[in-house]
Amino acid sequence: MTSLLQNSRRLLALLVLPLGLALAVGPATSASADPGSSERARNYYGAIALSIDGGGGLSYDYRTKAKATRVAKQKCKRKTNYPGRCQVAVWVRNGCAAVSVKRNADGFITRYGWAVRRYKGPAISAAQHKCGRNCKRYAFVCTTRP
């Protein structure tokens, strides 16, 4: 019985000791990382909001998606006759977003296409393609890329 108890204690010590060492060393290692690495890992968000009458708002280089979309909607509401109809068409993190729209004879937006890509050109092309025939480029936004 005593040998079983001693073997259990040894096994427990063998398991707990490495775990305790990993926990003790782990945070110290990550805290001593390059201080500039958090700057490089920063995310930048942007958004495009639009309304049915063509009013819109852009935002870029915000720290959170929520802030970027909120600012885009606020700007849209200031530039439209239908502030309750502003909606975020697209948001982006560390890249570019574009929106293309199709308008009817009265100038109201009847359809839109959006895209997110690493660079402006491909984002605009993809938004045009998604929107379809007779669509025009509406807006694009690019964030700072870390």
N, C-alpha and C. Protein backbone atom coordinates (compact mmCIF):
# COMPACT_ATOMS: atom_id res chain seq x y z
N MET A 1 0.83 -1.18 0.00
CA MET A 1 0.00 0.00 0.00
C MET A 1 0.87 1.25 0.00
N THR A 2 1.93 1.23 0.80
CA THR A 2 2.82 2.39 0.86
C THR A 2 3.55 2.59 -0.46
N SER A 3 3.93 1.52 -1.13
CA SER A 3 4.62 1.69 -2.40
C SER A 3 3.66 2.28 -3.45
N LEU A 4 2.42 1.90 -3.41
CA LEU A 4 1.43 2.47 -4.33
C LEU A 4 1.25 3.95 -4.06
N LEU A 5 1.21 4.33 -2.79
CA LEU A 5 1.07 5.73 -2.42
C LEU A 5 2.31 6.52 -2.84
N GLN A 6 3.49 5.96 -2.64
CA GLN A 6 4.72 6.64 -3.06
C GLN A 6 4.78 6.81 -4.58
N ASN A 7 4.38 5.78 -5.31
CA ASN A 7 4.37 5.87 -6.77
C ASN A 7 3.38 6.93 -7.25
N SER A 8 2.24 7.03 -6.58
CA SER A 8 1.24 8.04 -6.94
C SER A 8 1.78 9.44 -6.70
N ARG A 9 2.50 9.62 -5.58
CA ARG A 9 3.07 10.94 -5.28
C ARG A 9 4.14 11.31 -6.30
N ARG A 10 4.97 10.34 -6.69
CA ARG A 10 6.01 10.60 -7.68
C ARG A 10 5.37 10.99 -9.03
N LEU A 11 4.36 10.24 -9.40
CA LEU A 11 3.67 10.53 -10.66
C LEU A 11 3.04 11.91 -10.62
N LEU A 12 2.42 12.26 -9.52
CA LEU A 12 1.82 13.57 -9.36
C LEU A 12 2.88 14.66 -9.44
N ALA A 13 4.02 14.46 -8.80
CA ALA A 13 5.11 15.44 -8.84
C ALA A 13 5.65 15.59 -10.26
N LEU A 14 5.74 14.49 -10.98
CA LEU A 14 6.21 14.54 -12.35
C LEU A 14 5.26 15.31 -13.26
N LEU A 15 3.97 15.24 -12.97
CA LEU A 15 2.99 15.95 -13.79
C LEU A 15 2.84 17.41 -13.39
N VAL A 16 2.85 17.70 -12.11
CA VAL A 16 2.60 19.05 -11.63
C VAL A 16 3.81 19.96 -11.81
N LEU A 17 5.00 19.46 -11.61
CA LEU A 17 6.20 20.28 -11.72
C LEU A 17 6.35 20.91 -13.11
N PRO A 18 6.26 20.14 -14.21
CA PRO A 18 6.39 20.79 -15.53
C PRO A 18 5.26 21.79 -15.80
N LEU A 19 4.07 21.48 -15.33
CA LEU A 19 2.96 22.41 -15.53
C LEU A 19 3.20 23.72 -14.80
N GLY A 20 3.66 23.63 -13.57
CA GLY A 20 3.96 24.84 -12.80
C GLY A 20 5.07 25.65 -13.44
N LEU A 21 6.08 24.97 -13.94
CA LEU A 21 7.17 25.67 -14.63
C LEU A 21 6.67 26.36 -15.90
N ALA A 22 5.81 25.69 -16.64
CA ALA A 22 5.28 26.28 -17.87
C ALA A 22 4.46 27.52 -17.56
N LEU A 23 3.67 27.46 -16.52
CA LEU A 23 2.88 28.63 -16.14
C LEU A 23 3.75 29.77 -15.63
N ALA A 24 4.77 29.44 -14.91
CA ALA A 24 5.64 30.47 -14.35
C ALA A 24 6.49 31.13 -15.43
N VAL A 25 6.95 30.35 -16.40
CA VAL A 25 7.82 30.88 -17.44
C VAL A 25 7.01 31.50 -18.58
N GLY A 26 5.84 30.96 -18.89
CA GLY A 26 5.04 31.41 -20.02
C GLY A 26 4.75 32.90 -20.03
N PRO A 27 4.14 33.47 -19.01
CA PRO A 27 3.83 34.89 -19.04
C PRO A 27 5.08 35.76 -19.10
N ALA A 28 6.15 35.35 -18.45
CA ALA A 28 7.37 36.15 -18.47
C ALA A 28 7.93 36.22 -19.89
N THR A 29 7.83 35.11 -20.61
CA THR A 29 8.35 35.09 -21.97
C THR A 29 7.54 36.01 -22.88
N SER A 30 6.20 35.97 -22.80
CA SER A 30 5.41 36.80 -23.68
C SER A 30 5.50 38.27 -23.29
N ALA A 31 5.71 38.57 -22.03
CA ALA A 31 5.81 39.96 -21.60
C ALA A 31 7.14 40.57 -22.05
N SER A 32 8.13 39.74 -22.25
CA SER A 32 9.42 40.27 -22.66
C SER A 32 9.56 40.35 -24.17
N ALA A 33 8.45 40.12 -24.90
CA ALA A 33 8.50 40.18 -26.36
C ALA A 33 8.79 41.61 -26.81
N ASP A 34 9.13 41.74 -28.06
CA ASP A 34 9.44 43.03 -28.65
C ASP A 34 8.29 44.01 -28.44
N PRO A 35 8.55 45.17 -27.81
CA PRO A 35 7.46 46.11 -27.55
C PRO A 35 6.80 46.64 -28.81
N GLY A 36 7.49 46.64 -29.91
CA GLY A 36 6.91 47.12 -31.15
C GLY A 36 6.00 46.11 -31.81
N SER A 37 6.00 44.86 -31.34
CA SER A 37 5.19 43.83 -31.99
C SER A 37 3.71 44.11 -31.82
N SER A 38 3.29 44.70 -30.72
CA SER A 38 1.87 45.01 -30.56
C SER A 38 1.45 46.09 -31.54
N GLU A 39 2.35 46.98 -31.88
CA GLU A 39 2.06 48.03 -32.86
C GLU A 39 1.88 47.41 -34.24
N ARG A 40 2.73 46.45 -34.58
CA ARG A 40 2.61 45.81 -35.88
C ARG A 40 1.36 44.95 -35.98
N ALA A 41 0.89 44.42 -34.88
CA ALA A 41 -0.27 43.54 -34.88
C ALA A 41 -1.58 44.31 -34.78
N ARG A 42 -1.53 45.61 -34.74
CA ARG A 42 -2.74 46.42 -34.59
C ARG A 42 -3.66 46.23 -35.79
N ASN A 43 -4.95 46.17 -35.53
CA ASN A 43 -5.94 46.09 -36.58
C ASN A 43 -6.54 47.46 -36.82
N TYR A 44 -6.79 47.75 -38.08
CA TYR A 44 -7.44 48.99 -38.48
C TYR A 44 -8.72 48.62 -39.23
N TYR A 45 -9.81 49.29 -38.87
CA TYR A 45 -11.10 48.99 -39.46
C TYR A 45 -11.64 50.18 -40.24
N GLY A 46 -12.40 49.88 -41.27
CA GLY A 46 -13.08 50.90 -42.05
C GLY A 46 -14.44 50.39 -42.46
N ALA A 47 -15.31 51.31 -42.93
CA ALA A 47 -16.65 50.91 -43.34
C ALA A 47 -17.20 51.90 -44.37
N ILE A 48 -18.17 51.41 -45.14
CA ILE A 48 -18.91 52.24 -46.09
C ILE A 48 -20.39 52.05 -45.79
N ALA A 49 -21.08 53.15 -45.55
CA ALA A 49 -22.53 53.12 -45.33
C ALA A 49 -23.20 53.87 -46.47
N LEU A 50 -24.41 53.45 -46.82
CA LEU A 50 -25.13 54.16 -47.87
C LEU A 50 -26.62 54.17 -47.57
N SER A 51 -27.31 55.12 -48.23
CA SER A 51 -28.75 55.27 -48.09
C SER A 51 -29.38 55.10 -49.47
N ILE A 52 -30.69 54.95 -49.50
CA ILE A 52 -31.37 54.68 -50.77
C ILE A 52 -31.25 55.82 -51.77
N ASP A 53 -31.09 57.06 -51.28
CA ASP A 53 -31.00 58.19 -52.20
C ASP A 53 -29.56 58.50 -52.63
N GLY A 54 -28.62 57.67 -52.23
CA GLY A 54 -27.24 57.85 -52.66
C GLY A 54 -26.36 58.55 -51.64
N GLY A 55 -26.94 59.00 -50.54
CA GLY A 55 -26.12 59.57 -49.47
C GLY A 55 -25.26 58.47 -48.85
N GLY A 56 -24.09 58.84 -48.41
CA GLY A 56 -23.23 57.81 -47.85
C GLY A 56 -22.20 58.35 -46.90
N GLY A 57 -21.51 57.45 -46.24
CA GLY A 57 -20.46 57.83 -45.32
C GLY A 57 -19.35 56.81 -45.33
N LEU A 58 -18.13 57.30 -45.15
CA LEU A 58 -16.94 56.45 -45.12
C LEU A 58 -16.22 56.62 -43.80
N SER A 59 -15.56 55.57 -43.36
CA SER A 59 -14.68 55.67 -42.20
C SER A 59 -13.49 54.74 -42.44
N TYR A 60 -12.35 55.09 -41.84
CA TYR A 60 -11.18 54.23 -41.98
C TYR A 60 -10.22 54.49 -40.82
N ASP A 61 -9.41 53.50 -40.55
CA ASP A 61 -8.38 53.53 -39.51
C ASP A 61 -8.92 53.71 -38.10
N TYR A 62 -10.02 53.03 -37.80
CA TYR A 62 -10.52 52.99 -36.43
C TYR A 62 -10.06 51.71 -35.77
N ARG A 63 -9.96 51.74 -34.45
CA ARG A 63 -9.42 50.59 -33.70
C ARG A 63 -10.40 49.44 -33.58
N THR A 64 -11.71 49.70 -33.73
CA THR A 64 -12.70 48.63 -33.62
C THR A 64 -13.67 48.69 -34.80
N LYS A 65 -14.24 47.53 -35.10
CA LYS A 65 -15.25 47.45 -36.14
C LYS A 65 -16.47 48.27 -35.75
N ALA A 66 -16.87 48.20 -34.50
CA ALA A 66 -18.05 48.93 -34.03
C ALA A 66 -17.90 50.43 -34.24
N LYS A 67 -16.75 50.97 -33.93
CA LYS A 67 -16.51 52.41 -34.10
C LYS A 67 -16.51 52.79 -35.57
N ALA A 68 -15.88 51.99 -36.40
CA ALA A 68 -15.83 52.29 -37.84
C ALA A 68 -17.22 52.28 -38.44
N THR A 69 -18.04 51.30 -38.10
CA THR A 69 -19.39 51.23 -38.67
C THR A 69 -20.27 52.36 -38.12
N ARG A 70 -20.10 52.69 -36.86
CA ARG A 70 -20.88 53.78 -36.25
C ARG A 70 -20.56 55.11 -36.92
N VAL A 71 -19.29 55.40 -37.15
CA VAL A 71 -18.89 56.66 -37.78
C VAL A 71 -19.40 56.72 -39.22
N ALA A 72 -19.29 55.62 -39.96
CA ALA A 72 -19.78 55.61 -41.34
C ALA A 72 -21.28 55.88 -41.38
N LYS A 73 -22.05 55.27 -40.47
CA LYS A 73 -23.49 55.52 -40.43
C LYS A 73 -23.81 56.96 -40.05
N GLN A 74 -23.07 57.52 -39.10
CA GLN A 74 -23.30 58.91 -38.70
C GLN A 74 -23.05 59.85 -39.87
N LYS A 75 -21.97 59.63 -40.62
CA LYS A 75 -21.68 60.46 -41.78
C LYS A 75 -22.75 60.31 -42.86
N CYS A 76 -23.23 59.10 -43.05
CA CYS A 76 -24.29 58.85 -44.01
C CYS A 76 -25.56 59.63 -43.63
N LYS A 77 -25.91 59.59 -42.37
CA LYS A 77 -27.13 60.26 -41.90
C LYS A 77 -27.08 61.77 -42.12
N ARG A 78 -25.88 62.34 -42.14
CA ARG A 78 -25.74 63.78 -42.38
C ARG A 78 -25.85 64.13 -43.86
N LYS A 79 -25.70 63.13 -44.75
CA LYS A 79 -25.65 63.41 -46.19
C LYS A 79 -26.86 62.87 -46.95
N THR A 80 -27.92 62.52 -46.26
CA THR A 80 -29.07 61.93 -46.93
C THR A 80 -30.37 62.59 -46.47
N ASN A 81 -31.39 62.47 -47.30
CA ASN A 81 -32.73 62.91 -46.92
C ASN A 81 -33.49 61.80 -46.20
N TYR A 82 -32.88 60.62 -46.12
CA TYR A 82 -33.49 59.46 -45.48
C TYR A 82 -32.54 58.88 -44.44
N PRO A 83 -32.31 59.61 -43.34
CA PRO A 83 -31.30 59.15 -42.37
C PRO A 83 -31.62 57.80 -41.73
N GLY A 84 -32.88 57.45 -41.66
CA GLY A 84 -33.25 56.16 -41.09
C GLY A 84 -32.96 55.00 -42.01
N ARG A 85 -32.63 55.28 -43.25
CA ARG A 85 -32.37 54.23 -44.23
C ARG A 85 -30.89 53.97 -44.44
N CYS A 86 -30.03 54.64 -43.69
CA CYS A 86 -28.59 54.40 -43.82
C CYS A 86 -28.24 53.03 -43.27
N GLN A 87 -27.46 52.30 -44.01
CA GLN A 87 -27.00 50.99 -43.55
C GLN A 87 -25.56 50.79 -43.98
N VAL A 88 -24.86 50.00 -43.20
CA VAL A 88 -23.47 49.70 -43.53
C VAL A 88 -23.48 48.63 -44.62
N ALA A 89 -22.92 48.98 -45.76
CA ALA A 89 -22.87 48.04 -46.88
C ALA A 89 -21.72 47.06 -46.73
N VAL A 90 -20.59 47.55 -46.18
CA VAL A 90 -19.41 46.70 -46.06
C VAL A 90 -18.48 47.28 -45.00
N TRP A 91 -17.73 46.41 -44.34
CA TRP A 91 -16.67 46.84 -43.42
C TRP A 91 -15.42 46.05 -43.76
N VAL A 92 -14.28 46.58 -43.36
CA VAL A 92 -13.01 45.95 -43.71
C VAL A 92 -12.03 46.05 -42.54
N ARG A 93 -11.15 45.06 -42.44
CA ARG A 93 -10.06 45.10 -41.47
C ARG A 93 -8.75 44.94 -42.23
N ASN A 94 -7.88 45.93 -42.09
CA ASN A 94 -6.54 45.88 -42.70
C ASN A 94 -6.57 45.60 -44.19
N GLY A 95 -7.35 46.36 -44.92
CA GLY A 95 -7.43 46.17 -46.36
C GLY A 95 -8.27 47.26 -47.00
N CYS A 96 -8.88 46.91 -48.13
CA CYS A 96 -9.71 47.85 -48.87
C CYS A 96 -11.09 47.27 -49.10
N ALA A 97 -12.09 48.13 -49.09
CA ALA A 97 -13.47 47.74 -49.38
C ALA A 97 -14.00 48.68 -50.45
N ALA A 98 -14.90 48.16 -51.28
CA ALA A 98 -15.50 48.97 -52.34
C ALA A 98 -16.97 48.62 -52.48
N VAL A 99 -17.74 49.61 -52.95
CA VAL A 99 -19.16 49.42 -53.21
C VAL A 99 -19.48 50.00 -54.58
N SER A 100 -20.22 49.24 -55.38
CA SER A 100 -20.75 49.71 -56.66
C SER A 100 -22.26 49.68 -56.56
N VAL A 101 -22.93 50.61 -57.24
CA VAL A 101 -24.39 50.71 -57.13
C VAL A 101 -25.05 50.83 -58.50
N LYS A 102 -26.30 50.42 -58.56
CA LYS A 102 -27.14 50.65 -59.72
C LYS A 102 -28.26 51.56 -59.25
N ARG A 103 -28.51 52.61 -60.02
CA ARG A 103 -29.56 53.58 -59.67
C ARG A 103 -30.70 53.51 -60.70
N ASN A 104 -31.90 53.84 -60.23
CA ASN A 104 -33.03 53.93 -61.15
C ASN A 104 -33.07 55.33 -61.77
N ALA A 105 -34.09 55.61 -62.55
CA ALA A 105 -34.19 56.89 -63.24
C ALA A 105 -34.31 58.07 -62.27
N ASP A 106 -34.83 57.84 -61.07
CA ASP A 106 -34.97 58.90 -60.08
C ASP A 106 -33.70 59.11 -59.26
N GLY A 107 -32.70 58.30 -59.48
CA GLY A 107 -31.45 58.43 -58.75
C GLY A 107 -31.36 57.59 -57.48
N PHE A 108 -32.40 56.81 -57.20
CA PHE A 108 -32.38 55.96 -56.01
C PHE A 108 -31.61 54.68 -56.29
N ILE A 109 -30.92 54.21 -55.28
CA ILE A 109 -30.14 52.98 -55.41
C ILE A 109 -31.07 51.78 -55.38
N THR A 110 -30.99 50.97 -56.43
CA THR A 110 -31.84 49.78 -56.51
C THR A 110 -31.06 48.50 -56.23
N ARG A 111 -29.75 48.56 -56.38
CA ARG A 111 -28.92 47.38 -56.14
C ARG A 111 -27.51 47.83 -55.84
N TYR A 112 -26.80 47.03 -55.04
CA TYR A 112 -25.39 47.33 -54.83
C TYR A 112 -24.60 46.04 -54.66
N GLY A 113 -23.32 46.15 -54.95
CA GLY A 113 -22.40 45.04 -54.76
C GLY A 113 -21.21 45.55 -53.97
N TRP A 114 -20.66 44.71 -53.13
CA TRP A 114 -19.53 45.12 -52.30
C TRP A 114 -18.44 44.05 -52.36
N ALA A 115 -17.24 44.46 -52.01
CA ALA A 115 -16.12 43.52 -51.98
C ALA A 115 -15.04 44.03 -51.03
N VAL A 116 -14.29 43.09 -50.48
CA VAL A 116 -13.15 43.38 -49.61
C VAL A 116 -11.95 42.65 -50.18
N ARG A 117 -10.89 43.39 -50.39
CA ARG A 117 -9.64 42.81 -50.90
C ARG A 117 -8.47 43.51 -50.23
N ARG A 118 -7.29 43.01 -50.47
CA ARG A 118 -6.08 43.59 -49.89
C ARG A 118 -5.77 44.97 -50.49
N TYR A 119 -6.07 45.14 -51.77
CA TYR A 119 -5.74 46.39 -52.47
C TYR A 119 -6.97 47.00 -53.13
N LYS A 120 -6.88 48.28 -53.43
CA LYS A 120 -8.00 49.05 -53.95
C LYS A 120 -8.52 48.52 -55.29
N GLY A 121 -7.66 48.34 -56.26
CA GLY A 121 -8.08 47.92 -57.60
C GLY A 121 -8.90 46.64 -57.60
N PRO A 122 -8.39 45.58 -56.99
CA PRO A 122 -9.17 44.33 -56.96
C PRO A 122 -10.49 44.47 -56.19
N ALA A 123 -10.52 45.31 -55.17
CA ALA A 123 -11.77 45.51 -54.43
C ALA A 123 -12.81 46.18 -55.31
N ILE A 124 -12.40 47.21 -56.05
CA ILE A 124 -13.33 47.91 -56.95
C ILE A 124 -13.83 46.97 -58.04
N SER A 125 -12.94 46.22 -58.65
CA SER A 125 -13.32 45.28 -59.71
C SER A 125 -14.31 44.23 -59.21
N ALA A 126 -14.04 43.68 -58.04
CA ALA A 126 -14.92 42.65 -57.48
C ALA A 126 -16.29 43.23 -57.14
N ALA A 127 -16.34 44.44 -56.61
CA ALA A 127 -17.63 45.07 -56.29
C ALA A 127 -18.43 45.31 -57.56
N GLN A 128 -17.76 45.76 -58.63
CA GLN A 128 -18.43 45.96 -59.92
C GLN A 128 -19.01 44.64 -60.43
N HIS A 129 -18.21 43.59 -60.33
CA HIS A 129 -18.64 42.28 -60.80
C HIS A 129 -19.84 41.77 -60.01
N LYS A 130 -19.81 41.92 -58.69
CA LYS A 130 -20.92 41.45 -57.84
C LYS A 130 -22.20 42.23 -58.09
N CYS A 131 -22.07 43.51 -58.36
CA CYS A 131 -23.24 44.36 -58.57
C CYS A 131 -23.93 44.02 -59.89
N GLY A 132 -23.14 43.79 -60.92
CA GLY A 132 -23.72 43.40 -62.20
C GLY A 132 -23.70 44.51 -63.23
N ARG A 133 -24.49 44.32 -64.28
CA ARG A 133 -24.52 45.27 -65.39
C ARG A 133 -25.10 46.61 -64.98
N ASN A 134 -24.65 47.64 -65.63
CA ASN A 134 -25.12 49.02 -65.44
C ASN A 134 -24.86 49.57 -64.04
N CYS A 135 -23.90 49.01 -63.34
CA CYS A 135 -23.53 49.51 -62.01
C CYS A 135 -22.35 50.46 -62.15
N LYS A 136 -22.30 51.40 -61.27
CA LYS A 136 -21.22 52.38 -61.25
C LYS A 136 -20.50 52.30 -59.91
N ARG A 137 -19.24 52.65 -59.94
CA ARG A 137 -18.47 52.69 -58.69
C ARG A 137 -19.07 53.75 -57.78
N TYR A 138 -19.32 53.36 -56.55
CA TYR A 138 -19.89 54.29 -55.58
C TYR A 138 -18.80 54.86 -54.68
N ALA A 139 -18.07 53.98 -54.01
CA ALA A 139 -17.03 54.43 -53.08
C ALA A 139 -16.07 53.29 -52.78
N PHE A 140 -14.90 53.66 -52.30
CA PHE A 140 -13.96 52.68 -51.77
C PHE A 140 -13.27 53.30 -50.57
N VAL A 141 -12.75 52.45 -49.72
CA VAL A 141 -12.01 52.89 -48.55
C VAL A 141 -10.90 51.88 -48.28
N CYS A 142 -9.73 52.38 -47.94
CA CYS A 142 -8.61 51.51 -47.59
C CYS A 142 -8.08 51.93 -46.22
N THR A 143 -7.76 50.95 -45.41
CA THR A 143 -7.20 51.22 -44.10
C THR A 143 -5.68 51.14 -44.18
N THR A 144 -5.04 51.63 -43.15
CA THR A 144 -3.61 51.43 -43.01
C THR A 144 -3.39 49.96 -42.74
N ARG A 145 -2.43 49.37 -43.42
CA ARG A 145 -2.15 47.94 -43.21
C ARG A 145 -0.91 47.82 -42.34
N PRO A 146 -1.03 47.05 -41.27
CA PRO A 146 0.14 46.90 -40.37
C PRO A 146 1.27 46.12 -41.03
